[in-house]
Amino acid sequence: MTKQKPNLQTGGLNRVQKAEVVKYAEKNPQKTHDDIAQWAQKEFNLAESPHRTTIGRILASKHEFINLSIRDHTIKRARVVKYSVLNRATVN
């Protein structure tokens, strides 16, 4: 018989998860970045806990995650459009 692997998420956090990290940090200001990383690992069932630097970067750019539109929920990385004319031509 083969053993089933636990259903762990690998890879980075999506934008909804990052918003949850921001909310948790705001509700628990006494927690360190390491504490928040441990919480995120348990909360999101991650294979590894995020590094404390990752948590710091998420909290530094928390304005991006506070008011997410429904369309942005599945995006992992927001990218800036460099060539808007080319982008509009390829989309339409």
N, C-alpha and C. Protein backbone atom coordinates (compact mmCIF):
# COMPACT_ATOMS: atom_id res chain seq x y z
N MET A 1 0.82 -1.19 0.00
CA MET A 1 0.00 0.00 0.00
C MET A 1 0.87 1.25 0.00
N THR A 2 0.45 2.24 -0.74
CA THR A 2 1.18 3.49 -0.76
C THR A 2 0.61 4.43 0.29
N LYS A 3 1.47 5.20 0.87
CA LYS A 3 1.04 6.19 1.84
C LYS A 3 0.55 7.43 1.11
N GLN A 4 -0.52 7.99 1.61
CA GLN A 4 -1.00 9.23 1.04
C GLN A 4 -0.25 10.39 1.66
N LYS A 5 0.15 11.32 0.82
CA LYS A 5 0.82 12.51 1.30
C LYS A 5 -0.23 13.46 1.88
N PRO A 6 0.13 14.16 2.93
CA PRO A 6 -0.82 15.15 3.44
C PRO A 6 -1.02 16.25 2.40
N ASN A 7 -2.19 16.82 2.40
CA ASN A 7 -2.53 17.84 1.42
C ASN A 7 -1.92 19.17 1.84
N LEU A 8 -0.63 19.34 1.56
CA LEU A 8 0.08 20.55 1.94
C LEU A 8 0.24 21.46 0.73
N GLN A 9 0.12 22.75 0.97
CA GLN A 9 0.33 23.73 -0.09
C GLN A 9 1.81 24.00 -0.22
N THR A 10 2.30 23.95 -1.43
CA THR A 10 3.69 24.33 -1.69
C THR A 10 3.67 25.60 -2.51
N GLY A 11 4.75 26.32 -2.50
CA GLY A 11 4.81 27.56 -3.25
C GLY A 11 4.43 28.75 -2.38
N GLY A 12 4.29 29.88 -3.02
CA GLY A 12 4.03 31.12 -2.30
C GLY A 12 2.59 31.29 -1.88
N LEU A 13 2.37 32.31 -1.08
CA LEU A 13 1.03 32.65 -0.63
C LEU A 13 0.30 33.42 -1.71
N ASN A 14 -1.00 33.19 -1.83
CA ASN A 14 -1.76 34.00 -2.77
C ASN A 14 -2.19 35.28 -2.08
N ARG A 15 -2.85 36.16 -2.80
CA ARG A 15 -3.17 37.49 -2.27
C ARG A 15 -4.19 37.43 -1.13
N VAL A 16 -5.11 36.50 -1.16
CA VAL A 16 -6.08 36.36 -0.07
C VAL A 16 -5.37 35.93 1.20
N GLN A 17 -4.44 34.99 1.08
CA GLN A 17 -3.68 34.55 2.24
C GLN A 17 -2.82 35.69 2.80
N LYS A 18 -2.25 36.48 1.93
CA LYS A 18 -1.46 37.62 2.38
C LYS A 18 -2.34 38.63 3.12
N ALA A 19 -3.57 38.82 2.63
CA ALA A 19 -4.51 39.71 3.31
C ALA A 19 -4.83 39.17 4.70
N GLU A 20 -4.96 37.86 4.83
CA GLU A 20 -5.22 37.26 6.14
C GLU A 20 -4.04 37.45 7.08
N VAL A 21 -2.82 37.38 6.54
CA VAL A 21 -1.62 37.62 7.35
C VAL A 21 -1.64 39.05 7.87
N VAL A 22 -2.01 40.00 7.01
CA VAL A 22 -2.07 41.41 7.42
C VAL A 22 -3.11 41.59 8.52
N LYS A 23 -4.29 40.99 8.37
CA LYS A 23 -5.34 41.11 9.38
C LYS A 23 -4.89 40.50 10.71
N TYR A 24 -4.25 39.34 10.64
CA TYR A 24 -3.77 38.68 11.86
C TYR A 24 -2.73 39.54 12.56
N ALA A 25 -1.83 40.13 11.79
CA ALA A 25 -0.78 40.96 12.38
C ALA A 25 -1.37 42.22 13.02
N GLU A 26 -2.41 42.79 12.40
CA GLU A 26 -3.03 43.97 12.97
C GLU A 26 -3.79 43.65 14.26
N LYS A 27 -4.38 42.46 14.33
CA LYS A 27 -5.11 42.05 15.53
C LYS A 27 -4.16 41.62 16.65
N ASN A 28 -2.96 41.23 16.30
CA ASN A 28 -1.97 40.74 17.27
C ASN A 28 -0.65 41.51 17.12
N PRO A 29 -0.63 42.77 17.53
CA PRO A 29 0.58 43.58 17.33
C PRO A 29 1.79 43.11 18.15
N GLN A 30 1.57 42.32 19.20
CA GLN A 30 2.67 41.85 20.03
C GLN A 30 3.39 40.66 19.40
N LYS A 31 2.84 40.06 18.37
CA LYS A 31 3.45 38.89 17.74
C LYS A 31 4.64 39.31 16.88
N THR A 32 5.68 38.49 16.90
CA THR A 32 6.85 38.73 16.05
C THR A 32 6.58 38.17 14.66
N HIS A 33 7.46 38.49 13.73
CA HIS A 33 7.31 37.96 12.38
C HIS A 33 7.44 36.44 12.37
N ASP A 34 8.29 35.91 13.23
CA ASP A 34 8.42 34.45 13.33
C ASP A 34 7.13 33.82 13.83
N ASP A 35 6.49 34.45 14.81
CA ASP A 35 5.21 33.95 15.33
C ASP A 35 4.14 33.96 14.24
N ILE A 36 4.11 35.03 13.47
CA ILE A 36 3.12 35.15 12.40
C ILE A 36 3.40 34.11 11.32
N ALA A 37 4.67 33.85 11.03
CA ALA A 37 5.03 32.83 10.04
C ALA A 37 4.58 31.44 10.50
N GLN A 38 4.76 31.14 11.79
CA GLN A 38 4.30 29.85 12.32
C GLN A 38 2.78 29.74 12.24
N TRP A 39 2.09 30.84 12.55
CA TRP A 39 0.63 30.86 12.44
C TRP A 39 0.20 30.61 11.00
N ALA A 40 0.86 31.27 10.05
CA ALA A 40 0.50 31.12 8.64
C ALA A 40 0.70 29.68 8.17
N GLN A 41 1.76 29.04 8.63
CA GLN A 41 2.01 27.65 8.23
C GLN A 41 0.87 26.75 8.70
N LYS A 42 0.43 26.94 9.93
CA LYS A 42 -0.67 26.12 10.46
C LYS A 42 -2.00 26.49 9.81
N GLU A 43 -2.25 27.79 9.68
CA GLU A 43 -3.53 28.27 9.16
C GLU A 43 -3.75 27.87 7.71
N PHE A 44 -2.73 27.96 6.88
CA PHE A 44 -2.86 27.71 5.45
C PHE A 44 -2.35 26.34 5.04
N ASN A 45 -1.97 25.51 6.01
CA ASN A 45 -1.50 24.15 5.76
C ASN A 45 -0.33 24.15 4.78
N LEU A 46 0.68 24.93 5.09
CA LEU A 46 1.85 25.08 4.23
C LEU A 46 2.89 24.01 4.54
N ALA A 47 3.62 23.59 3.53
CA ALA A 47 4.68 22.61 3.72
C ALA A 47 5.80 23.20 4.58
N GLU A 48 6.12 24.47 4.38
CA GLU A 48 7.14 25.16 5.17
C GLU A 48 6.58 26.50 5.61
N SER A 49 7.07 26.99 6.73
CA SER A 49 6.60 28.30 7.17
C SER A 49 7.29 29.38 6.34
N PRO A 50 6.59 30.47 6.06
CA PRO A 50 7.23 31.57 5.33
C PRO A 50 8.36 32.16 6.16
N HIS A 51 9.36 32.67 5.51
CA HIS A 51 10.49 33.28 6.21
C HIS A 51 10.02 34.59 6.82
N ARG A 52 10.65 35.01 7.89
CA ARG A 52 10.24 36.24 8.56
C ARG A 52 10.41 37.46 7.65
N THR A 53 11.34 37.39 6.72
CA THR A 53 11.50 38.48 5.76
C THR A 53 10.28 38.58 4.85
N THR A 54 9.72 37.44 4.47
CA THR A 54 8.51 37.42 3.65
C THR A 54 7.37 38.08 4.41
N ILE A 55 7.23 37.76 5.67
CA ILE A 55 6.18 38.36 6.49
C ILE A 55 6.40 39.87 6.58
N GLY A 56 7.62 40.29 6.76
CA GLY A 56 7.94 41.72 6.82
C GLY A 56 7.60 42.44 5.53
N ARG A 57 7.87 41.81 4.40
CA ARG A 57 7.55 42.42 3.10
C ARG A 57 6.05 42.51 2.89
N ILE A 58 5.33 41.48 3.32
CA ILE A 58 3.86 41.50 3.21
C ILE A 58 3.31 42.65 4.05
N LEU A 59 3.80 42.79 5.27
CA LEU A 59 3.30 43.84 6.15
C LEU A 59 3.72 45.23 5.69
N ALA A 60 4.88 45.33 5.04
CA ALA A 60 5.33 46.62 4.52
C ALA A 60 4.46 47.10 3.37
N SER A 61 3.90 46.16 2.61
CA SER A 61 3.04 46.53 1.48
C SER A 61 1.59 46.13 1.74
N LYS A 62 1.15 46.28 3.00
CA LYS A 62 -0.18 45.82 3.38
C LYS A 62 -1.30 46.59 2.68
N HIS A 63 -1.02 47.81 2.21
CA HIS A 63 -2.04 48.57 1.50
C HIS A 63 -2.52 47.84 0.23
N GLU A 64 -1.69 46.99 -0.34
CA GLU A 64 -2.06 46.24 -1.54
C GLU A 64 -3.07 45.15 -1.24
N PHE A 65 -3.09 44.67 0.01
CA PHE A 65 -3.90 43.50 0.34
C PHE A 65 -5.13 43.83 1.15
N ILE A 66 -5.29 45.08 1.59
CA ILE A 66 -6.42 45.42 2.46
C ILE A 66 -7.75 45.35 1.71
N ASN A 67 -7.85 45.98 0.56
CA ASN A 67 -9.11 46.00 -0.20
C ASN A 67 -8.93 45.27 -1.52
N LEU A 68 -9.03 43.96 -1.48
CA LEU A 68 -8.87 43.16 -2.70
C LEU A 68 -10.19 43.03 -3.42
N SER A 69 -10.15 43.18 -4.73
CA SER A 69 -11.35 42.90 -5.51
C SER A 69 -11.45 41.39 -5.71
N ILE A 70 -12.63 40.92 -6.03
CA ILE A 70 -12.84 39.47 -6.21
C ILE A 70 -11.96 38.95 -7.33
N ARG A 71 -11.73 39.74 -8.34
CA ARG A 71 -10.91 39.33 -9.47
C ARG A 71 -9.46 39.09 -9.07
N ASP A 72 -8.99 39.78 -8.03
CA ASP A 72 -7.60 39.66 -7.61
C ASP A 72 -7.34 38.53 -6.62
N HIS A 73 -8.34 37.77 -6.25
CA HIS A 73 -8.17 36.75 -5.23
C HIS A 73 -7.21 35.63 -5.63
N THR A 74 -7.18 35.25 -6.88
CA THR A 74 -6.35 34.13 -7.29
C THR A 74 -4.97 34.54 -7.79
N ILE A 75 -4.73 35.83 -7.91
CA ILE A 75 -3.45 36.31 -8.41
C ILE A 75 -2.39 36.16 -7.33
N LYS A 76 -1.24 35.62 -7.69
CA LYS A 76 -0.13 35.51 -6.73
C LYS A 76 0.79 36.72 -6.81
N ARG A 77 0.97 37.27 -8.00
CA ARG A 77 1.88 38.39 -8.15
C ARG A 77 1.24 39.42 -9.08
N ALA A 78 1.16 40.66 -8.62
CA ALA A 78 0.65 41.74 -9.44
C ALA A 78 1.78 42.25 -10.33
N ARG A 79 1.49 42.39 -11.58
CA ARG A 79 2.52 42.86 -12.52
C ARG A 79 2.09 44.18 -13.14
N VAL A 80 3.02 45.06 -13.28
CA VAL A 80 2.76 46.36 -13.85
C VAL A 80 2.87 46.26 -15.36
N VAL A 81 1.90 46.86 -16.04
CA VAL A 81 1.91 46.87 -17.50
C VAL A 81 2.88 47.94 -17.96
N LYS A 82 3.90 47.53 -18.71
CA LYS A 82 4.91 48.47 -19.17
C LYS A 82 4.51 49.13 -20.49
N TYR A 83 3.88 48.35 -21.35
CA TYR A 83 3.51 48.84 -22.67
C TYR A 83 2.00 48.73 -22.80
N SER A 84 1.29 49.77 -22.37
CA SER A 84 -0.17 49.70 -22.32
C SER A 84 -0.79 49.59 -23.72
N VAL A 85 -0.22 50.20 -24.71
CA VAL A 85 -0.76 50.11 -26.07
C VAL A 85 -0.66 48.67 -26.57
N LEU A 86 0.47 48.05 -26.38
CA LEU A 86 0.68 46.66 -26.79
C LEU A 86 -0.25 45.73 -26.00
N ASN A 87 -0.43 46.00 -24.73
CA ASN A 87 -1.29 45.18 -23.90
C ASN A 87 -2.74 45.25 -24.39
N ARG A 88 -3.21 46.46 -24.67
CA ARG A 88 -4.58 46.62 -25.18
C ARG A 88 -4.76 45.95 -26.54
N ALA A 89 -3.73 46.00 -27.38
CA ALA A 89 -3.82 45.39 -28.71
C ALA A 89 -3.89 43.88 -28.61
N THR A 90 -3.18 43.27 -27.68
CA THR A 90 -3.19 41.82 -27.56
C THR A 90 -4.43 41.30 -26.83
N VAL A 91 -4.98 42.10 -25.94
CA VAL A 91 -6.16 41.68 -25.19
C VAL A 91 -7.41 41.78 -26.06
N ASN A 92 -7.51 42.83 -26.84
CA ASN A 92 -8.72 43.03 -27.66
C ASN A 92 -8.64 42.35 -28.96
